Amino acid sequence: QQLSGFHLIPPRMMLGVLKEGCTYAGTVILKNVGVD
């Protein structure tokens, strides 16, 4: 269990204040920190 898994970078996504009717995007990295 300790040798497998992913880490999320960043672990949460805070987008702040958004304008209604618009589309926004952000990127999160999913990194494999295991050995397989």
PDB file of all heavy atoms in Angstrom:
ATOM      1  N   GLN A   1       0.827  -1.211   0.000  1.00  0.00           N
ATOM      2  CA  GLN A   1       0.000   0.000   0.000  1.00  0.00           C
ATOM      3  C   GLN A   1       0.866   1.268   0.000  1.00  0.00           C
ATOM      4  O   GLN A   1       0.513   2.249  -0.598  1.00  0.00           O
ATOM      5  CB  GLN A   1      -0.909  -0.019   1.241  1.00  0.00           C
ATOM      6  CG  GLN A   1      -1.950   1.082   1.274  1.00  0.00           C
ATOM      7  CD  GLN A   1      -3.109   0.805   0.347  1.00  0.00           C
ATOM      8  OE1 GLN A   1      -3.303  -0.310  -0.114  1.00  0.00           O
ATOM      9  NE2 GLN A   1      -3.886   1.806   0.064  1.00  0.00           N
ATOM     10  N   GLN A   2       2.009   1.236   0.672  1.00  0.00           N
ATOM     11  CA  GLN A   2       2.856   2.414   0.749  1.00  0.00           C
ATOM     12  C   GLN A   2       3.660   2.619  -0.529  1.00  0.00           C
ATOM     13  O   GLN A   2       4.197   3.688  -0.750  1.00  0.00           O
ATOM     14  CB  GLN A   2       3.808   2.296   1.936  1.00  0.00           C
ATOM     15  CG  GLN A   2       3.104   2.312   3.268  1.00  0.00           C
ATOM     16  CD  GLN A   2       4.036   1.966   4.406  1.00  0.00           C
ATOM     17  OE1 GLN A   2       5.175   1.589   4.195  1.00  0.00           O
ATOM     18  NE2 GLN A   2       3.553   2.087   5.622  1.00  0.00           N
ATOM     19  N   LEU A   3       3.783   1.595  -1.363  1.00  0.00           N
ATOM     20  CA  LEU A   3       4.586   1.683  -2.571  1.00  0.00           C
ATOM     21  C   LEU A   3       3.762   1.953  -3.814  1.00  0.00           C
ATOM     22  O   LEU A   3       4.262   1.847  -4.915  1.00  0.00           O
ATOM     23  CB  LEU A   3       5.371   0.376  -2.756  1.00  0.00           C
ATOM     24  CG  LEU A   3       6.390   0.084  -1.688  1.00  0.00           C
ATOM     25  CD1 LEU A   3       6.980  -1.290  -1.890  1.00  0.00           C
ATOM     26  CD2 LEU A   3       7.475   1.138  -1.691  1.00  0.00           C
ATOM     27  N   SER A   4       2.500   2.252  -3.649  1.00  0.00           N
ATOM     28  CA  SER A   4       1.668   2.517  -4.807  1.00  0.00           C
ATOM     29  C   SER A   4       0.746   3.677  -4.507  1.00  0.00           C
ATOM     30  O   SER A   4       0.443   3.963  -3.362  1.00  0.00           O
ATOM     31  CB  SER A   4       0.859   1.279  -5.173  1.00  0.00           C
ATOM     32  OG  SER A   4      -0.051   0.978  -4.143  1.00  0.00           O
ATOM     33  N   GLY A   5       0.330   4.346  -5.553  1.00  0.00           N
ATOM     34  CA  GLY A   5      -0.634   5.416  -5.372  1.00  0.00           C
ATOM     35  C   GLY A   5      -0.277   6.656  -6.151  1.00  0.00           C
ATOM     36  O   GLY A   5       0.784   6.763  -6.769  1.00  0.00           O
ATOM     37  N   PHE A   6      -1.211   7.569  -6.135  1.00  0.00           N
ATOM     38  CA  PHE A   6      -1.070   8.843  -6.822  1.00  0.00           C
ATOM     39  C   PHE A   6      -1.063   9.978  -5.814  1.00  0.00           C
ATOM     40  O   PHE A   6      -1.628   9.861  -4.734  1.00  0.00           O
ATOM     41  CB  PHE A   6      -2.267   9.064  -7.759  1.00  0.00           C
ATOM     42  CG  PHE A   6      -2.242   8.240  -9.014  1.00  0.00           C
ATOM     43  CD1 PHE A   6      -3.087   7.165  -9.160  1.00  0.00           C
ATOM     44  CD2 PHE A   6      -1.403   8.558 -10.058  1.00  0.00           C
ATOM     45  CE1 PHE A   6      -3.084   6.414 -10.321  1.00  0.00           C
ATOM     46  CE2 PHE A   6      -1.389   7.824 -11.223  1.00  0.00           C
ATOM     47  CZ  PHE A   6      -2.239   6.743 -11.355  1.00  0.00           C
ATOM     48  N   HIS A   7      -0.420  11.062  -6.198  1.00  0.00           N
ATOM     49  CA  HIS A   7      -0.521  12.328  -5.470  1.00  0.00           C
ATOM     50  C   HIS A   7      -1.143  13.346  -6.398  1.00  0.00           C
ATOM     51  O   HIS A   7      -0.806  13.406  -7.585  1.00  0.00           O
ATOM     52  CB  HIS A   7       0.849  12.819  -5.018  1.00  0.00           C
ATOM     53  CG  HIS A   7       1.342  12.155  -3.778  1.00  0.00           C
ATOM     54  ND1 HIS A   7       2.464  12.569  -3.118  1.00  0.00           N
ATOM     55  CD2 HIS A   7       0.869  11.108  -3.063  1.00  0.00           C
ATOM     56  CE1 HIS A   7       2.668  11.800  -2.063  1.00  0.00           C
ATOM     57  NE2 HIS A   7       1.719  10.913  -2.014  1.00  0.00           N
ATOM     58  N   LEU A   8      -2.029  14.161  -5.855  1.00  0.00           N
ATOM     59  CA  LEU A   8      -2.645  15.249  -6.606  1.00  0.00           C
ATOM     60  C   LEU A   8      -1.886  16.535  -6.328  1.00  0.00           C
ATOM     61  O   LEU A   8      -1.632  16.878  -5.170  1.00  0.00           O
ATOM     62  CB  LEU A   8      -4.109  15.434  -6.183  1.00  0.00           C
ATOM     63  CG  LEU A   8      -5.083  14.404  -6.698  1.00  0.00           C
ATOM     64  CD1 LEU A   8      -6.404  14.536  -5.970  1.00  0.00           C
ATOM     65  CD2 LEU A   8      -5.285  14.575  -8.183  1.00  0.00           C
ATOM     66  N   ILE A   9      -1.502  17.233  -7.386  1.00  0.00           N
ATOM     67  CA  ILE A   9      -0.781  18.503  -7.237  1.00  0.00           C
ATOM     68  C   ILE A   9      -1.536  19.563  -8.025  1.00  0.00           C
ATOM     69  O   ILE A   9      -1.546  19.482  -9.246  1.00  0.00           O
ATOM     70  CB  ILE A   9       0.666  18.368  -7.761  1.00  0.00           C
ATOM     71  CG1 ILE A   9       1.372  17.203  -7.079  1.00  0.00           C
ATOM     72  CG2 ILE A   9       1.432  19.672  -7.566  1.00  0.00           C
ATOM     73  CD1 ILE A   9       2.665  16.803  -7.735  1.00  0.00           C
ATOM     74  N   PRO A  10      -2.168  20.521  -7.429  1.00  0.00           N
ATOM     75  CA  PRO A  10      -2.427  20.746  -6.005  1.00  0.00           C
ATOM     76  C   PRO A  10      -3.519  19.807  -5.495  1.00  0.00           C
ATOM     77  O   PRO A  10      -4.309  19.299  -6.289  1.00  0.00           O
ATOM     78  CB  PRO A  10      -2.902  22.202  -5.960  1.00  0.00           C
ATOM     79  CG  PRO A  10      -3.531  22.428  -7.289  1.00  0.00           C
ATOM     80  CD  PRO A  10      -2.765  21.574  -8.258  1.00  0.00           C
ATOM     81  N   PRO A  11      -3.595  19.593  -4.170  1.00  0.00           N
ATOM     82  CA  PRO A  11      -4.562  18.639  -3.623  1.00  0.00           C
ATOM     83  C   PRO A  11      -6.008  19.134  -3.641  1.00  0.00           C
ATOM     84  O   PRO A  11      -6.918  18.366  -3.393  1.00  0.00           O
ATOM     85  CB  PRO A  11      -4.084  18.424  -2.187  1.00  0.00           C
ATOM     86  CG  PRO A  11      -3.267  19.616  -1.873  1.00  0.00           C
ATOM     87  CD  PRO A  11      -2.679  20.091  -3.162  1.00  0.00           C
ATOM     88  N   ARG A  12      -6.229  20.411  -3.922  1.00  0.00           N
ATOM     89  CA  ARG A  12      -7.588  20.967  -4.019  1.00  0.00           C
ATOM     90  C   ARG A  12      -7.575  22.092  -5.032  1.00  0.00           C
ATOM     91  O   ARG A  12      -6.523  22.658  -5.329  1.00  0.00           O
ATOM     92  CB  ARG A  12      -8.084  21.452  -2.661  1.00  0.00           C
ATOM     93  CG  ARG A  12      -7.350  22.662  -2.124  1.00  0.00           C
ATOM     94  CD  ARG A  12      -7.682  22.970  -0.694  1.00  0.00           C
ATOM     95  NE  ARG A  12      -7.334  21.917   0.226  1.00  0.00           N
ATOM     96  CZ  ARG A  12      -6.119  21.719   0.712  1.00  0.00           C
ATOM     97  NH1 ARG A  12      -5.139  22.510   0.367  1.00  0.00           N
ATOM     98  NH2 ARG A  12      -5.868  20.753   1.558  1.00  0.00           N
ATOM     99  N   MET A  13      -8.761  22.423  -5.559  1.00  0.00           N
ATOM    100  CA  MET A  13      -8.852  23.460  -6.572  1.00  0.00           C
ATOM    101  C   MET A  13      -9.818  24.537  -6.101  1.00  0.00           C
ATOM    102  O   MET A  13     -11.023  24.298  -6.013  1.00  0.00           O
ATOM    103  CB  MET A  13      -9.319  22.845  -7.884  1.00  0.00           C
ATOM    104  CG  MET A  13      -9.071  23.698  -9.065  1.00  0.00           C
ATOM    105  SD  MET A  13      -9.241  22.703 -10.529  1.00  0.00           S
ATOM    106  CE  MET A  13      -8.305  23.684 -11.621  1.00  0.00           C
ATOM    107  N   MET A  14      -9.281  25.711  -5.794  1.00  0.00           N
ATOM    108  CA  MET A  14     -10.081  26.860  -5.386  1.00  0.00           C
ATOM    109  C   MET A  14     -10.082  27.856  -6.546  1.00  0.00           C
ATOM    110  O   MET A  14      -9.045  28.433  -6.865  1.00  0.00           O
ATOM    111  CB  MET A  14      -9.497  27.519  -4.132  1.00  0.00           C
ATOM    112  CG  MET A  14      -9.323  26.577  -2.971  1.00  0.00           C
ATOM    113  SD  MET A  14     -10.886  25.928  -2.420  1.00  0.00           S
ATOM    114  CE  MET A  14     -10.396  25.020  -0.999  1.00  0.00           C
ATOM    115  N   LEU A  15     -11.234  28.042  -7.168  1.00  0.00           N
ATOM    116  CA  LEU A  15     -11.303  28.865  -8.372  1.00  0.00           C
ATOM    117  C   LEU A  15     -11.664  30.322  -8.099  1.00  0.00           C
ATOM    118  O   LEU A  15     -11.602  31.135  -9.003  1.00  0.00           O
ATOM    119  CB  LEU A  15     -12.301  28.241  -9.355  1.00  0.00           C
ATOM    120  CG  LEU A  15     -11.894  26.855  -9.859  1.00  0.00           C
ATOM    121  CD1 LEU A  15     -13.037  26.213 -10.606  1.00  0.00           C
ATOM    122  CD2 LEU A  15     -10.676  26.952 -10.736  1.00  0.00           C
ATOM    123  N   GLY A  16     -12.063  30.652  -6.886  1.00  0.00           N
ATOM    124  CA  GLY A  16     -12.371  32.038  -6.548  1.00  0.00           C
ATOM    125  C   GLY A  16     -13.727  32.472  -7.071  1.00  0.00           C
ATOM    126  O   GLY A  16     -14.663  31.685  -7.183  1.00  0.00           O
ATOM    127  N   VAL A  17     -13.845  33.747  -7.443  1.00  0.00           N
ATOM    128  CA  VAL A  17     -15.114  34.313  -7.917  1.00  0.00           C
ATOM    129  C   VAL A  17     -15.142  34.237  -9.439  1.00  0.00           C
ATOM    130  O   VAL A  17     -14.223  34.715 -10.111  1.00  0.00           O
ATOM    131  CB  VAL A  17     -15.279  35.772  -7.430  1.00  0.00           C
ATOM    132  CG1 VAL A  17     -16.581  36.358  -7.946  1.00  0.00           C
ATOM    133  CG2 VAL A  17     -15.235  35.830  -5.912  1.00  0.00           C
ATOM    134  N   LEU A  18     -16.217  33.651  -9.981  1.00  0.00           N
ATOM    135  CA  LEU A  18     -16.365  33.465 -11.417  1.00  0.00           C
ATOM    136  C   LEU A  18     -17.590  34.221 -11.916  1.00  0.00           C
ATOM    137  O   LEU A  18     -18.575  34.356 -11.205  1.00  0.00           O
ATOM    138  CB  LEU A  18     -16.524  31.980 -11.755  1.00  0.00           C
ATOM    139  CG  LEU A  18     -15.499  31.016 -11.152  1.00  0.00           C
ATOM    140  CD1 LEU A  18     -15.852  29.591 -11.526  1.00  0.00           C
ATOM    141  CD2 LEU A  18     -14.109  31.370 -11.617  1.00  0.00           C
ATOM    142  N   LYS A  19     -17.539  34.697 -13.154  1.00  0.00           N
ATOM    143  CA  LYS A  19     -18.656  35.414 -13.772  1.00  0.00           C
ATOM    144  C   LYS A  19     -19.625  34.406 -14.377  1.00  0.00           C
ATOM    145  O   LYS A  19     -19.216  33.489 -15.093  1.00  0.00           O
ATOM    146  CB  LYS A  19     -18.134  36.350 -14.855  1.00  0.00           C
ATOM    147  CG  LYS A  19     -19.197  37.178 -15.512  1.00  0.00           C
ATOM    148  CD  LYS A  19     -18.600  38.072 -16.571  1.00  0.00           C
ATOM    149  CE  LYS A  19     -19.693  38.818 -17.300  1.00  0.00           C
ATOM    150  NZ  LYS A  19     -19.160  39.599 -18.405  1.00  0.00           N
ATOM    151  N   GLU A  20     -20.897  34.584 -14.103  1.00  0.00           N
ATOM    152  CA  GLU A  20     -21.921  33.672 -14.615  1.00  0.00           C
ATOM    153  C   GLU A  20     -21.950  33.682 -16.139  1.00  0.00           C
ATOM    154  O   GLU A  20     -21.825  34.715 -16.770  1.00  0.00           O
ATOM    155  CB  GLU A  20     -23.290  34.074 -14.070  1.00  0.00           C
ATOM    156  CG  GLU A  20     -24.397  33.129 -14.483  1.00  0.00           C
ATOM    157  CD  GLU A  20     -25.763  33.547 -13.967  1.00  0.00           C
ATOM    158  OE1 GLU A  20     -25.892  34.670 -13.455  1.00  0.00           O
ATOM    159  OE2 GLU A  20     -26.689  32.743 -14.098  1.00  0.00           O
ATOM    160  N   GLY A  21     -22.061  32.477 -16.724  1.00  0.00           N
ATOM    161  CA  GLY A  21     -22.139  32.354 -18.171  1.00  0.00           C
ATOM    162  C   GLY A  21     -20.796  32.162 -18.854  1.00  0.00           C
ATOM    163  O   GLY A  21     -20.744  31.974 -20.059  1.00  0.00           O
ATOM    164  N   CYS A  22     -19.712  32.188 -18.118  1.00  0.00           N
ATOM    165  CA  CYS A  22     -18.374  32.021 -18.698  1.00  0.00           C
ATOM    166  C   CYS A  22     -17.829  30.630 -18.343  1.00  0.00           C
ATOM    167  O   CYS A  22     -18.248  30.013 -17.383  1.00  0.00           O
ATOM    168  CB  CYS A  22     -17.415  33.094 -18.180  1.00  0.00           C
ATOM    169  SG  CYS A  22     -17.869  34.745 -18.678  1.00  0.00           S
ATOM    170  N   THR A  23     -16.874  30.180 -19.140  1.00  0.00           N
ATOM    171  CA  THR A  23     -16.226  28.895 -18.910  1.00  0.00           C
ATOM    172  C   THR A  23     -14.795  29.139 -18.439  1.00  0.00           C
ATOM    173  O   THR A  23     -14.080  29.953 -19.024  1.00  0.00           O
ATOM    174  CB  THR A  23     -16.212  28.048 -20.200  1.00  0.00           C
ATOM    175  OG1 THR A  23     -17.561  27.869 -20.631  1.00  0.00           O
ATOM    176  CG2 THR A  23     -15.580  26.702 -19.960  1.00  0.00           C
ATOM    177  N   TYR A  24     -14.401  28.432 -17.396  1.00  0.00           N
ATOM    178  CA  TYR A  24     -13.066  28.555 -16.821  1.00  0.00           C
ATOM    179  C   TYR A  24     -12.431  27.169 -16.762  1.00  0.00           C
ATOM    180  O   TYR A  24     -13.133  26.162 -16.705  1.00  0.00           O
ATOM    181  CB  TYR A  24     -13.138  29.143 -15.408  1.00  0.00           C
ATOM    182  CG  TYR A  24     -13.721  30.528 -15.366  1.00  0.00           C
ATOM    183  CD1 TYR A  24     -15.099  30.721 -15.267  1.00  0.00           C
ATOM    184  CD2 TYR A  24     -12.911  31.652 -15.433  1.00  0.00           C
ATOM    185  CE1 TYR A  24     -15.641  31.988 -15.231  1.00  0.00           C
ATOM    186  CE2 TYR A  24     -13.442  32.931 -15.392  1.00  0.00           C
ATOM    187  CZ  TYR A  24     -14.815  33.091 -15.290  1.00  0.00           C
ATOM    188  OH  TYR A  24     -15.343  34.335 -15.263  1.00  0.00           O
ATOM    189  N   ALA A  25     -11.109  27.126 -16.765  1.00  0.00           N
ATOM    190  CA  ALA A  25     -10.407  25.842 -16.711  1.00  0.00           C
ATOM    191  C   ALA A  25      -9.157  25.959 -15.848  1.00  0.00           C
ATOM    192  O   ALA A  25      -8.564  27.033 -15.723  1.00  0.00           O
ATOM    193  CB  ALA A  25     -10.026  25.378 -18.112  1.00  0.00           C
ATOM    194  N   GLY A  26      -8.784  24.847 -15.272  1.00  0.00           N
ATOM    195  CA  GLY A  26      -7.561  24.744 -14.483  1.00  0.00           C
ATOM    196  C   GLY A  26      -6.991  23.350 -14.631  1.00  0.00           C
ATOM    197  O   GLY A  26      -7.694  22.423 -15.033  1.00  0.00           O
ATOM    198  N   THR A  27      -5.710  23.199 -14.313  1.00  0.00           N
ATOM    199  CA  THR A  27      -5.039  21.915 -14.479  1.00  0.00           C
ATOM    200  C   THR A  27      -4.580  21.372 -13.138  1.00  0.00           C
ATOM    201  O   THR A  27      -4.051  22.111 -12.311  1.00  0.00           O
ATOM    202  CB  THR A  27      -3.823  22.072 -15.415  1.00  0.00           C
ATOM    203  OG1 THR A  27      -4.269  22.601 -16.656  1.00  0.00           O
ATOM    204  CG2 THR A  27      -3.144  20.745 -15.658  1.00  0.00           C
ATOM    205  N   VAL A  28      -4.787  20.075 -12.952  1.00  0.00           N
ATOM    206  CA  VAL A  28      -4.315  19.352 -11.769  1.00  0.00           C
ATOM    207  C   VAL A  28      -3.426  18.223 -12.277  1.00  0.00           C
ATOM    208  O   VAL A  28      -3.728  17.578 -13.278  1.00  0.00           O
ATOM    209  CB  VAL A  28      -5.494  18.786 -10.955  1.00  0.00           C
ATOM    210  CG1 VAL A  28      -5.000  17.914  -9.819  1.00  0.00           C
ATOM    211  CG2 VAL A  28      -6.356  19.902 -10.425  1.00  0.00           C
ATOM    212  N   ILE A  29      -2.308  17.992 -11.603  1.00  0.00           N
ATOM    213  CA  ILE A  29      -1.375  16.929 -11.989  1.00  0.00           C
ATOM    214  C   ILE A  29      -1.615  15.721 -11.096  1.00  0.00           C
ATOM    215  O   ILE A  29      -1.685  15.844  -9.874  1.00  0.00           O
ATOM    216  CB  ILE A  29       0.077  17.411 -11.880  1.00  0.00           C
ATOM    217  CG1 ILE A  29       0.325  18.513 -12.909  1.00  0.00           C
ATOM    218  CG2 ILE A  29       1.047  16.260 -12.076  1.00  0.00           C
ATOM    219  CD1 ILE A  29       1.663  19.181 -12.776  1.00  0.00           C
ATOM    220  N   LEU A  30      -1.741  14.562 -11.721  1.00  0.00           N
ATOM    221  CA  LEU A  30      -1.891  13.293 -11.029  1.00  0.00           C
ATOM    222  C   LEU A  30      -0.588  12.534 -11.222  1.00  0.00           C
ATOM    223  O   LEU A  30      -0.282  12.075 -12.314  1.00  0.00           O
ATOM    224  CB  LEU A  30      -3.079  12.525 -11.621  1.00  0.00           C
ATOM    225  CG  LEU A  30      -3.523  11.264 -10.929  1.00  0.00           C
ATOM    226  CD1 LEU A  30      -4.045  11.576  -9.530  1.00  0.00           C
ATOM    227  CD2 LEU A  30      -4.599  10.577 -11.738  1.00  0.00           C
ATOM    228  N   LYS A  31       0.227  12.454 -10.148  1.00  0.00           N
ATOM    229  CA  LYS A  31       1.570  11.877 -10.247  1.00  0.00           C
ATOM    230  C   LYS A  31       1.613  10.503  -9.585  1.00  0.00           C
ATOM    231  O   LYS A  31       1.168  10.330  -8.458  1.00  0.00           O
ATOM    232  CB  LYS A  31       2.591  12.796  -9.584  1.00  0.00           C
ATOM    233  CG  LYS A  31       4.005  12.295  -9.731  1.00  0.00           C
ATOM    234  CD  LYS A  31       5.010  13.308  -9.265  1.00  0.00           C
ATOM    235  CE  LYS A  31       6.401  12.778  -9.546  1.00  0.00           C
ATOM    236  NZ  LYS A  31       7.418  13.770  -9.337  1.00  0.00           N
ATOM    237  N   ASN A  32       2.175   9.524 -10.302  1.00  0.00           N
ATOM    238  CA  ASN A  32       2.340   8.171  -9.776  1.00  0.00           C
ATOM    239  C   ASN A  32       3.603   8.143  -8.921  1.00  0.00           C
ATOM    240  O   ASN A  32       4.708   8.276  -9.421  1.00  0.00           O
ATOM    241  CB  ASN A  32       2.447   7.166 -10.924  1.00  0.00           C
ATOM    242  CG  ASN A  32       2.556   5.735 -10.436  1.00  0.00           C
ATOM    243  OD1 ASN A  32       2.684   5.466  -9.254  1.00  0.00           O
ATOM    244  ND2 ASN A  32       2.510   4.806 -11.366  1.00  0.00           N
ATOM    245  N   VAL A  33       3.426   7.962  -7.602  1.00  0.00           N
ATOM    246  CA  VAL A  33       4.564   7.942  -6.682  1.00  0.00           C
ATOM    247  C   VAL A  33       4.924   6.521  -6.264  1.00  0.00           C
ATOM    248  O   VAL A  33       5.727   6.322  -5.360  1.00  0.00           O
ATOM    249  CB  VAL A  33       4.283   8.808  -5.431  1.00  0.00           C
ATOM    250  CG1 VAL A  33       4.171  10.264  -5.808  1.00  0.00           C
ATOM    251  CG2 VAL A  33       3.038   8.331  -4.704  1.00  0.00           C
ATOM    252  N   GLY A  34       4.344   5.532  -6.938  1.00  0.00           N
ATOM    253  CA  GLY A  34       4.615   4.136  -6.615  1.00  0.00           C
ATOM    254  C   GLY A  34       5.753   3.566  -7.438  1.00  0.00           C
ATOM    255  O   GLY A  34       6.474   4.284  -8.133  1.00  0.00           O
ATOM    256  N   VAL A  35       5.912   2.229  -7.371  1.00  0.00           N
ATOM    257  CA  VAL A  35       6.969   1.540  -8.098  1.00  0.00           C
ATOM    258  C   VAL A  35       6.432   0.746  -9.283  1.00  0.00           C
ATOM    259  O   VAL A  35       7.201   0.169 -10.036  1.00  0.00           O
ATOM    260  CB  VAL A  35       7.773   0.608  -7.161  1.00  0.00           C
ATOM    261  CG1 VAL A  35       8.520   1.408  -6.118  1.00  0.00           C
ATOM    262  CG2 VAL A  35       6.878  -0.431  -6.517  1.00  0.00           C
ATOM    263  N   ASP A  36       5.114   0.678  -9.463  1.00  0.00           N
ATOM    264  CA  ASP A  36       4.479  -0.025 -10.574  1.00  0.00           C
ATOM    265  C   ASP A  36       3.620   0.950 -11.361  1.00  0.00           C
ATOM    266  O   ASP A  36       3.290   2.031 -10.875  1.00  0.00           O
ATOM    267  CB  ASP A  36       3.570  -1.152 -10.062  1.00  0.00           C
ATOM    268  CG  ASP A  36       4.342  -2.267  -9.394  1.00  0.00           C
ATOM    269  OD1 ASP A  36       5.475  -2.534  -9.830  1.00  0.00           O
ATOM    270  OD2 ASP A  36       3.815  -2.860  -8.430  1.00  0.00           O
TER     271      ASP A  36
END
